[in-house]
Amino acid sequence: MHITIEIDEDAKALYFRLKDGVIAQTLEYPKAREVFLDLNEQGQLLGIEVLEPRSLDMRLVFRDIAETYEIQDFSSLIDKPIIELAA
């Protein structure tokens, strides 16, 4: 899995692009209000937007998303320097 991370310092947000494609819907992740999931028409996860990433346990959130959407768990890639960039 190739992941692209986009940083929006003004919005204090991170975007994790997991796959290219057309976004058909964006869902609020039910376990964290600051997390939004972009899905294609088939319900496949294309990207994850995280607002205020410092306020969340990102590894726990990403582990749960990986399990829910049956994708590779990339929570180990999340480290403090990435989160600090959006602070």
Protein backbone atom coordinates (compact mmCIF):
# COMPACT_ATOMS: atom_id res chain seq x y z
CA MET A 1 0.00 0.00 0.00
CA HIS A 2 1.35 3.41 -0.99
CA ILE A 3 0.20 6.20 1.31
CA THR A 4 0.49 9.91 0.59
CA ILE A 5 0.22 12.27 3.53
CA GLU A 6 -0.96 15.82 2.95
CA ILE A 7 -0.58 18.45 5.64
CA ASP A 8 -2.81 21.50 5.99
CA GLU A 9 -1.17 23.64 8.66
CA ASP A 10 -3.84 26.34 8.47
CA ALA A 11 -6.66 23.88 9.15
CA LYS A 12 -4.50 21.79 11.53
CA ALA A 13 -5.40 18.71 9.53
CA LEU A 14 -3.77 15.66 7.98
CA TYR A 15 -5.02 13.77 4.95
CA PHE A 16 -3.90 10.20 4.30
CA ARG A 17 -4.48 9.26 0.65
CA LEU A 18 -4.59 5.47 0.48
CA LYS A 19 -5.77 5.00 -3.08
CA ASP A 20 -6.56 7.12 -6.12
CA GLY A 21 -10.16 7.29 -7.23
CA VAL A 22 -13.34 9.31 -7.32
CA ILE A 23 -14.78 10.08 -3.90
CA ALA A 24 -18.45 9.09 -3.84
CA GLN A 25 -19.10 9.85 -0.18
CA THR A 26 -17.45 11.12 2.95
CA LEU A 27 -18.42 9.60 6.28
CA GLU A 28 -17.70 10.82 9.77
CA TYR A 29 -15.85 8.08 11.62
CA PRO A 30 -18.27 7.13 14.42
CA LYS A 31 -15.61 6.67 17.11
CA ALA A 32 -13.90 10.05 16.62
CA ARG A 33 -15.68 13.19 15.44
CA GLU A 34 -12.50 14.68 14.01
CA VAL A 35 -11.96 11.84 11.51
CA PHE A 36 -13.59 11.64 8.06
CA LEU A 37 -13.44 8.70 5.65
CA ASP A 38 -13.57 9.15 1.88
CA LEU A 39 -15.08 6.18 0.04
CA ASN A 40 -15.54 5.34 -3.63
CA GLU A 41 -18.76 3.97 -5.19
CA GLN A 42 -17.84 0.43 -4.12
CA GLY A 43 -17.35 1.50 -0.50
CA GLN A 44 -13.57 1.15 -0.66
CA LEU A 45 -11.58 3.51 1.53
CA LEU A 46 -9.69 6.10 -0.52
CA GLY A 47 -8.55 8.50 2.16
CA ILE A 48 -8.73 9.60 5.77
CA GLU A 49 -8.90 13.21 6.91
CA VAL A 50 -7.99 13.96 10.51
CA LEU A 51 -8.75 17.34 12.06
CA GLU A 52 -6.80 18.24 15.19
CA PRO A 53 -4.69 15.05 15.12
CA ARG A 54 -2.99 15.90 18.41
CA SER A 55 -6.29 15.35 20.22
CA LEU A 56 -6.57 11.69 19.17
CA ASP A 57 -4.82 8.38 19.72
CA MET A 58 -4.07 8.09 16.01
CA ARG A 59 -2.64 4.58 16.21
CA LEU A 60 -5.76 3.23 17.88
CA VAL A 61 -8.05 5.00 15.39
CA PHE A 62 -6.07 3.77 12.37
CA ARG A 63 -5.91 0.20 13.69
CA ASP A 64 -9.69 0.18 14.03
CA ILE A 65 -10.21 1.67 10.56
CA ALA A 66 -7.86 -0.93 9.04
CA GLU A 67 -9.83 -3.73 10.69
CA THR A 68 -13.22 -2.28 9.71
CA TYR A 69 -12.29 -1.72 6.05
CA GLU A 70 -10.08 -4.81 5.79
CA ILE A 71 -6.99 -2.92 4.70
CA GLN A 72 -3.37 -3.16 5.76
CA ASP A 73 -2.80 -1.78 9.26
CA PHE A 74 -0.53 1.22 8.83
CA SER A 75 -0.87 2.56 12.37
CA SER A 76 2.83 1.91 12.99
CA LEU A 77 3.63 4.63 10.42
CA ILE A 78 1.99 7.25 12.61
CA ASP A 79 4.54 8.99 14.74
CA LYS A 80 4.70 12.18 16.72
CA PRO A 81 6.61 14.25 14.11
CA ILE A 82 3.86 13.70 11.52
CA ILE A 83 1.18 14.74 13.98
CA GLU A 84 3.22 17.76 15.11
CA LEU A 85 3.38 19.04 11.52
CA ALA A 86 -0.34 19.76 11.60
CA ALA A 87 -0.23 21.41 15.02
